[in-house]
Amino acid sequence: MELTYTQNEISKVAEQVLKAATTNIFLLYGEMGVGKTTLITELVRLLGIQEISGSPSFSIVNEYEGTDGSIFHFDFYRINHIEEAYDIGVEDYFYSGNYVFIEWPERIEALLPESTTKLILKKNKDGSRILQLTN
């Protein structure tokens, strides 16, 4: 699936992403500032979480408690070695059965589960975004 959208359409795009996903683990790829955190914020909101603290850049993971279980939001931009991901027990999160959203997954590629939903975001010159989704 490929969508072109503006920030004003983020809620509609997030709904389409949740409908099209065949897994609960989302890998978000894209340059800094392309809108990964903004999209995750909207996805998490649609899953019933109203208080969202933004990107977990310094803590690596934010956990949100929803009515249907926990939702985990990872940002691996600041890790220097894959061992740091091991140290926080990422496998436990990935195989918990809960929703997991991962920014900068390329930094821990060797640890990622096989079954994921991959979202690639690109920014157009006019400010709109292109989202490519593959399962």
N, C-alpha and C. Protein backbone atom coordinates (compact mmCIF):
# COMPACT_ATOMS: atom_id res chain seq x y z
N MET A 1 0.85 -1.17 0.00
CA MET A 1 0.00 0.00 0.00
C MET A 1 0.89 1.23 0.00
N GLU A 2 0.53 2.22 -0.79
CA GLU A 2 1.25 3.48 -0.81
C GLU A 2 0.25 4.62 -0.72
N LEU A 3 0.52 5.57 0.18
CA LEU A 3 -0.35 6.72 0.39
C LEU A 3 0.47 8.00 0.33
N THR A 4 -0.10 9.03 -0.25
CA THR A 4 0.46 10.37 -0.17
C THR A 4 -0.51 11.18 0.66
N TYR A 5 0.03 11.92 1.65
CA TYR A 5 -0.84 12.62 2.58
C TYR A 5 -0.16 13.87 3.12
N THR A 6 -0.99 14.73 3.71
CA THR A 6 -0.49 15.91 4.42
C THR A 6 -0.70 15.66 5.91
N GLN A 7 -0.09 16.49 6.73
CA GLN A 7 -0.22 16.34 8.19
C GLN A 7 -1.69 16.46 8.62
N ASN A 8 -2.50 17.21 7.89
CA ASN A 8 -3.92 17.34 8.22
C ASN A 8 -4.68 16.04 8.03
N GLU A 9 -4.12 15.10 7.28
CA GLU A 9 -4.78 13.83 6.99
C GLU A 9 -4.23 12.67 7.83
N ILE A 10 -3.44 12.98 8.84
CA ILE A 10 -2.73 11.95 9.59
C ILE A 10 -3.68 10.96 10.27
N SER A 11 -4.80 11.42 10.77
CA SER A 11 -5.74 10.52 11.44
C SER A 11 -6.30 9.48 10.47
N LYS A 12 -6.67 9.92 9.28
CA LYS A 12 -7.20 9.03 8.24
C LYS A 12 -6.12 8.02 7.82
N VAL A 13 -4.90 8.48 7.68
CA VAL A 13 -3.79 7.60 7.29
C VAL A 13 -3.54 6.56 8.37
N ALA A 14 -3.54 6.99 9.63
CA ALA A 14 -3.32 6.05 10.74
C ALA A 14 -4.40 4.97 10.76
N GLU A 15 -5.64 5.34 10.50
CA GLU A 15 -6.73 4.36 10.43
C GLU A 15 -6.46 3.34 9.33
N GLN A 16 -6.03 3.81 8.17
CA GLN A 16 -5.74 2.92 7.05
C GLN A 16 -4.57 1.99 7.38
N VAL A 17 -3.56 2.50 8.07
CA VAL A 17 -2.41 1.68 8.45
C VAL A 17 -2.85 0.57 9.39
N LEU A 18 -3.65 0.89 10.39
CA LEU A 18 -4.10 -0.14 11.33
C LEU A 18 -4.95 -1.20 10.63
N LYS A 19 -5.76 -0.79 9.68
CA LYS A 19 -6.59 -1.76 8.94
C LYS A 19 -5.75 -2.65 8.03
N ALA A 20 -4.71 -2.10 7.43
CA ALA A 20 -3.90 -2.84 6.46
C ALA A 20 -2.85 -3.73 7.12
N ALA A 21 -2.49 -3.44 8.35
CA ALA A 21 -1.44 -4.20 9.04
C ALA A 21 -1.89 -5.62 9.34
N THR A 22 -0.98 -6.56 9.14
CA THR A 22 -1.27 -7.95 9.47
C THR A 22 -0.52 -8.40 10.72
N THR A 23 0.23 -7.47 11.31
CA THR A 23 0.97 -7.77 12.54
C THR A 23 0.75 -6.61 13.52
N ASN A 24 1.21 -6.80 14.75
CA ASN A 24 1.13 -5.74 15.74
C ASN A 24 2.51 -5.12 16.01
N ILE A 25 3.49 -5.45 15.18
CA ILE A 25 4.82 -4.87 15.31
C ILE A 25 5.08 -4.01 14.07
N PHE A 26 5.29 -2.72 14.30
CA PHE A 26 5.43 -1.74 13.23
C PHE A 26 6.85 -1.19 13.23
N LEU A 27 7.51 -1.26 12.09
CA LEU A 27 8.85 -0.73 11.91
C LEU A 27 8.73 0.54 11.08
N LEU A 28 9.18 1.66 11.61
CA LEU A 28 9.07 2.92 10.89
C LEU A 28 10.44 3.39 10.44
N TYR A 29 10.58 3.52 9.12
CA TYR A 29 11.83 3.94 8.49
C TYR A 29 11.63 5.32 7.89
N GLY A 30 12.64 6.14 7.94
CA GLY A 30 12.59 7.45 7.32
C GLY A 30 13.59 8.39 7.97
N GLU A 31 13.90 9.45 7.26
CA GLU A 31 14.86 10.42 7.75
C GLU A 31 14.33 11.14 8.98
N MET A 32 15.23 11.78 9.70
CA MET A 32 14.87 12.61 10.83
C MET A 32 13.91 13.70 10.35
N GLY A 33 12.82 13.89 11.08
CA GLY A 33 11.88 14.94 10.76
C GLY A 33 10.83 14.60 9.73
N VAL A 34 10.76 13.34 9.30
CA VAL A 34 9.81 12.95 8.27
C VAL A 34 8.40 12.72 8.83
N GLY A 35 8.29 12.54 10.16
CA GLY A 35 6.97 12.37 10.76
C GLY A 35 6.72 11.01 11.38
N LYS A 36 7.76 10.27 11.69
CA LYS A 36 7.58 8.94 12.30
C LYS A 36 6.88 9.05 13.66
N THR A 37 7.36 9.93 14.51
CA THR A 37 6.77 10.09 15.84
C THR A 37 5.34 10.61 15.74
N THR A 38 5.09 11.52 14.82
CA THR A 38 3.74 12.05 14.64
C THR A 38 2.77 10.95 14.24
N LEU A 39 3.20 10.08 13.33
CA LEU A 39 2.34 8.97 12.92
C LEU A 39 2.12 8.00 14.08
N ILE A 40 3.17 7.68 14.81
CA ILE A 40 3.02 6.77 15.95
C ILE A 40 2.07 7.37 16.98
N THR A 41 2.20 8.65 17.24
CA THR A 41 1.31 9.31 18.20
C THR A 41 -0.15 9.13 17.79
N GLU A 42 -0.43 9.27 16.52
CA GLU A 42 -1.81 9.11 16.05
C GLU A 42 -2.25 7.64 16.10
N LEU A 43 -1.37 6.73 15.75
CA LEU A 43 -1.70 5.30 15.83
C LEU A 43 -2.03 4.91 17.27
N VAL A 44 -1.20 5.37 18.20
CA VAL A 44 -1.41 5.05 19.62
C VAL A 44 -2.71 5.68 20.12
N ARG A 45 -3.00 6.89 19.67
CA ARG A 45 -4.25 7.56 20.04
C ARG A 45 -5.45 6.74 19.55
N LEU A 46 -5.38 6.25 18.32
CA LEU A 46 -6.47 5.45 17.78
C LEU A 46 -6.64 4.12 18.52
N LEU A 47 -5.57 3.68 19.16
CA LEU A 47 -5.63 2.44 19.95
C LEU A 47 -6.11 2.71 21.38
N GLY A 48 -6.52 3.95 21.65
CA GLY A 48 -7.16 4.27 22.92
C GLY A 48 -6.32 4.98 23.96
N ILE A 49 -5.13 5.39 23.60
CA ILE A 49 -4.26 6.08 24.56
C ILE A 49 -4.36 7.59 24.29
N GLN A 50 -4.77 8.35 25.27
CA GLN A 50 -4.94 9.79 25.09
C GLN A 50 -3.72 10.59 25.52
N GLU A 51 -3.02 10.16 26.57
CA GLU A 51 -1.83 10.87 27.03
C GLU A 51 -0.58 10.22 26.46
N ILE A 52 0.03 10.90 25.52
CA ILE A 52 1.19 10.37 24.83
C ILE A 52 2.36 11.32 25.07
N SER A 53 3.50 10.78 25.45
CA SER A 53 4.62 11.63 25.86
C SER A 53 5.62 11.93 24.74
N GLY A 54 5.34 11.60 23.51
CA GLY A 54 6.27 11.88 22.42
C GLY A 54 7.28 10.78 22.22
N SER A 55 8.33 11.11 21.51
CA SER A 55 9.35 10.12 21.19
C SER A 55 10.19 9.76 22.41
N PRO A 56 10.48 8.48 22.59
CA PRO A 56 11.29 8.06 23.73
C PRO A 56 12.79 8.13 23.45
N SER A 57 13.24 9.22 22.83
CA SER A 57 14.63 9.33 22.41
C SER A 57 15.64 9.06 23.52
N PHE A 58 15.35 9.53 24.71
CA PHE A 58 16.33 9.38 25.79
C PHE A 58 16.08 8.15 26.63
N SER A 59 14.84 7.71 26.73
CA SER A 59 14.54 6.52 27.53
C SER A 59 14.52 5.25 26.69
N ILE A 60 14.59 5.34 25.40
CA ILE A 60 14.54 4.28 24.40
C ILE A 60 13.13 3.72 24.23
N VAL A 61 12.38 3.54 25.32
CA VAL A 61 11.02 2.98 25.19
C VAL A 61 10.04 3.74 26.07
N ASN A 62 8.86 4.01 25.51
CA ASN A 62 7.71 4.51 26.27
C ASN A 62 6.69 3.40 26.31
N GLU A 63 6.08 3.20 27.45
CA GLU A 63 5.02 2.21 27.59
C GLU A 63 3.72 2.92 27.92
N TYR A 64 2.67 2.56 27.19
CA TYR A 64 1.34 3.11 27.42
C TYR A 64 0.44 1.96 27.82
N GLU A 65 -0.37 2.18 28.83
CA GLU A 65 -1.27 1.14 29.30
C GLU A 65 -2.67 1.40 28.74
N GLY A 66 -3.13 0.51 27.88
CA GLY A 66 -4.45 0.63 27.28
C GLY A 66 -5.42 -0.38 27.86
N THR A 67 -6.64 -0.32 27.43
CA THR A 67 -7.66 -1.24 27.92
C THR A 67 -7.41 -2.66 27.42
N ASP A 68 -6.72 -2.79 26.29
CA ASP A 68 -6.44 -4.11 25.73
C ASP A 68 -5.00 -4.55 25.94
N GLY A 69 -4.29 -3.91 26.86
CA GLY A 69 -2.91 -4.27 27.13
C GLY A 69 -1.97 -3.10 26.92
N SER A 70 -0.69 -3.38 26.97
CA SER A 70 0.32 -2.35 26.84
C SER A 70 0.64 -2.07 25.38
N ILE A 71 1.12 -0.86 25.14
CA ILE A 71 1.61 -0.45 23.82
C ILE A 71 3.02 0.08 24.06
N PHE A 72 3.97 -0.38 23.25
CA PHE A 72 5.36 0.01 23.42
C PHE A 72 5.83 0.82 22.21
N HIS A 73 6.51 1.93 22.49
CA HIS A 73 7.05 2.81 21.45
C HIS A 73 8.56 2.92 21.68
N PHE A 74 9.33 2.38 20.76
CA PHE A 74 10.79 2.40 20.83
C PHE A 74 11.37 3.43 19.89
N ASP A 75 12.46 4.06 20.31
CA ASP A 75 13.24 4.93 19.45
C ASP A 75 14.70 4.53 19.64
N PHE A 76 15.26 3.84 18.65
CA PHE A 76 16.62 3.32 18.76
C PHE A 76 17.67 4.25 18.14
N TYR A 77 17.30 5.49 17.87
CA TYR A 77 18.24 6.41 17.24
C TYR A 77 19.51 6.59 18.05
N ARG A 78 19.39 6.65 19.37
CA ARG A 78 20.54 6.99 20.22
C ARG A 78 21.33 5.78 20.72
N ILE A 79 20.95 4.55 20.33
CA ILE A 79 21.77 3.44 20.80
C ILE A 79 23.04 3.35 19.96
N ASN A 80 24.12 2.98 20.60
CA ASN A 80 25.40 2.88 19.92
C ASN A 80 25.78 1.45 19.57
N HIS A 81 25.25 0.50 20.34
CA HIS A 81 25.57 -0.91 20.14
C HIS A 81 24.31 -1.73 20.34
N ILE A 82 24.18 -2.78 19.56
CA ILE A 82 23.00 -3.64 19.65
C ILE A 82 22.84 -4.25 21.05
N GLU A 83 23.93 -4.35 21.78
CA GLU A 83 23.89 -4.89 23.14
C GLU A 83 22.99 -4.04 24.04
N GLU A 84 22.89 -2.76 23.75
CA GLU A 84 22.01 -1.88 24.54
C GLU A 84 20.56 -2.32 24.42
N ALA A 85 20.17 -2.79 23.25
CA ALA A 85 18.81 -3.29 23.06
C ALA A 85 18.62 -4.60 23.82
N TYR A 86 19.66 -5.46 23.78
CA TYR A 86 19.60 -6.69 24.57
C TYR A 86 19.43 -6.38 26.05
N ASP A 87 20.15 -5.37 26.52
CA ASP A 87 20.14 -5.01 27.94
C ASP A 87 18.76 -4.61 28.44
N ILE A 88 17.94 -4.01 27.58
CA ILE A 88 16.59 -3.64 28.03
C ILE A 88 15.57 -4.75 27.77
N GLY A 89 16.02 -5.86 27.21
CA GLY A 89 15.15 -7.01 27.01
C GLY A 89 14.15 -6.86 25.88
N VAL A 90 14.61 -6.35 24.73
CA VAL A 90 13.69 -6.09 23.63
C VAL A 90 12.90 -7.32 23.20
N GLU A 91 13.50 -8.49 23.28
CA GLU A 91 12.78 -9.69 22.85
C GLU A 91 11.50 -9.88 23.65
N ASP A 92 11.54 -9.57 24.94
CA ASP A 92 10.34 -9.70 25.77
C ASP A 92 9.23 -8.78 25.27
N TYR A 93 9.59 -7.58 24.86
CA TYR A 93 8.60 -6.64 24.33
C TYR A 93 8.07 -7.13 22.98
N PHE A 94 9.00 -7.55 22.10
CA PHE A 94 8.61 -7.93 20.75
C PHE A 94 7.68 -9.14 20.72
N TYR A 95 7.86 -10.06 21.65
CA TYR A 95 7.07 -11.29 21.64
C TYR A 95 5.99 -11.29 22.73
N SER A 96 5.63 -10.10 23.21
CA SER A 96 4.62 -9.97 24.26
C SER A 96 3.19 -10.10 23.74
N GLY A 97 3.00 -9.96 22.42
CA GLY A 97 1.66 -9.97 21.85
C GLY A 97 1.02 -8.59 21.85
N ASN A 98 1.70 -7.60 22.40
CA ASN A 98 1.19 -6.23 22.43
C ASN A 98 1.63 -5.46 21.19
N TYR A 99 1.02 -4.30 21.00
CA TYR A 99 1.45 -3.42 19.92
C TYR A 99 2.83 -2.87 20.21
N VAL A 100 3.70 -2.87 19.19
CA VAL A 100 5.06 -2.36 19.31
C VAL A 100 5.33 -1.47 18.09
N PHE A 101 5.75 -0.23 18.36
CA PHE A 101 6.10 0.72 17.31
C PHE A 101 7.58 1.04 17.47
N ILE A 102 8.34 0.90 16.38
CA ILE A 102 9.80 1.03 16.46
C ILE A 102 10.30 2.07 15.46
N GLU A 103 10.91 3.12 15.99
CA GLU A 103 11.61 4.09 15.16
C GLU A 103 13.08 3.68 15.09
N TRP A 104 13.69 3.85 13.92
CA TRP A 104 15.08 3.50 13.65
C TRP A 104 15.33 2.00 13.85
N PRO A 105 14.48 1.14 13.29
CA PRO A 105 14.67 -0.32 13.44
C PRO A 105 15.95 -0.84 12.79
N GLU A 106 16.48 -0.10 11.83
CA GLU A 106 17.70 -0.55 11.16
C GLU A 106 18.88 -0.65 12.14
N ARG A 107 18.79 -0.01 13.28
CA ARG A 107 19.87 -0.06 14.28
C ARG A 107 19.89 -1.37 15.06
N ILE A 108 18.78 -2.12 14.99
CA ILE A 108 18.70 -3.40 15.72
C ILE A 108 18.19 -4.51 14.80
N GLU A 109 18.48 -4.39 13.54
CA GLU A 109 17.92 -5.29 12.53
C GLU A 109 18.06 -6.77 12.89
N ALA A 110 19.18 -7.17 13.45
CA ALA A 110 19.41 -8.57 13.78
C ALA A 110 18.44 -9.10 14.84
N LEU A 111 17.80 -8.21 15.58
CA LEU A 111 16.90 -8.62 16.66
C LEU A 111 15.43 -8.61 16.27
N LEU A 112 15.11 -8.07 15.12
CA LEU A 112 13.71 -7.88 14.73
C LEU A 112 13.03 -9.21 14.41
N PRO A 113 11.77 -9.35 14.83
CA PRO A 113 11.00 -10.55 14.47
C PRO A 113 10.78 -10.62 12.96
N GLU A 114 10.51 -11.80 12.46
CA GLU A 114 10.27 -11.96 11.02
C GLU A 114 8.96 -11.32 10.60
N SER A 115 7.94 -11.45 11.41
CA SER A 115 6.62 -10.96 11.06
C SER A 115 6.43 -9.54 11.59
N THR A 116 6.50 -8.57 10.67
CA THR A 116 6.34 -7.16 11.04
C THR A 116 5.60 -6.42 9.94
N THR A 117 5.14 -5.23 10.28
CA THR A 117 4.58 -4.31 9.30
C THR A 117 5.59 -3.20 9.12
N LYS A 118 6.09 -3.03 7.91
CA LYS A 118 7.12 -2.06 7.62
C LYS A 118 6.48 -0.81 7.02
N LEU A 119 6.80 0.35 7.62
CA LEU A 119 6.32 1.63 7.13
C LEU A 119 7.53 2.48 6.74
N ILE A 120 7.59 2.85 5.47
CA ILE A 120 8.67 3.70 4.99
C ILE A 120 8.06 5.06 4.68
N LEU A 121 8.60 6.10 5.32
CA LEU A 121 8.09 7.45 5.16
C LEU A 121 9.10 8.32 4.42
N LYS A 122 8.59 9.10 3.50
CA LYS A 122 9.43 10.05 2.74
C LYS A 122 8.70 11.38 2.68
N LYS A 123 9.46 12.46 2.70
CA LYS A 123 8.89 13.79 2.65
C LYS A 123 9.06 14.36 1.24
N ASN A 124 7.96 14.87 0.68
CA ASN A 124 7.98 15.51 -0.63
C ASN A 124 8.38 16.97 -0.49
N LYS A 125 8.80 17.58 -1.60
CA LYS A 125 9.20 18.99 -1.60
C LYS A 125 8.07 19.91 -1.17
N ASP A 126 6.81 19.52 -1.43
CA ASP A 126 5.67 20.35 -1.06
C ASP A 126 5.24 20.16 0.39
N GLY A 127 5.98 19.33 1.15
CA GLY A 127 5.66 19.11 2.56
C GLY A 127 4.78 17.90 2.81
N SER A 128 4.17 17.36 1.77
CA SER A 128 3.37 16.15 1.94
C SER A 128 4.30 14.96 2.18
N ARG A 129 3.73 13.85 2.62
CA ARG A 129 4.51 12.63 2.89
C ARG A 129 4.03 11.50 1.99
N ILE A 130 4.95 10.58 1.75
CA ILE A 130 4.60 9.31 1.09
C ILE A 130 4.84 8.21 2.11
N LEU A 131 3.86 7.36 2.27
CA LEU A 131 3.98 6.22 3.17
C LEU A 131 3.84 4.95 2.35
N GLN A 132 4.82 4.05 2.48
CA GLN A 132 4.75 2.74 1.85
C GLN A 132 4.62 1.71 2.97
N LEU A 133 3.61 0.87 2.90
CA LEU A 133 3.36 -0.15 3.90
C LEU A 133 3.53 -1.52 3.25
N THR A 134 4.34 -2.36 3.90
CA THR A 134 4.44 -3.76 3.49
C THR A 134 4.39 -4.63 4.73
N ASN A 135 3.75 -5.79 4.59
CA ASN A 135 3.64 -6.75 5.69
C ASN A 135 4.58 -7.90 5.44
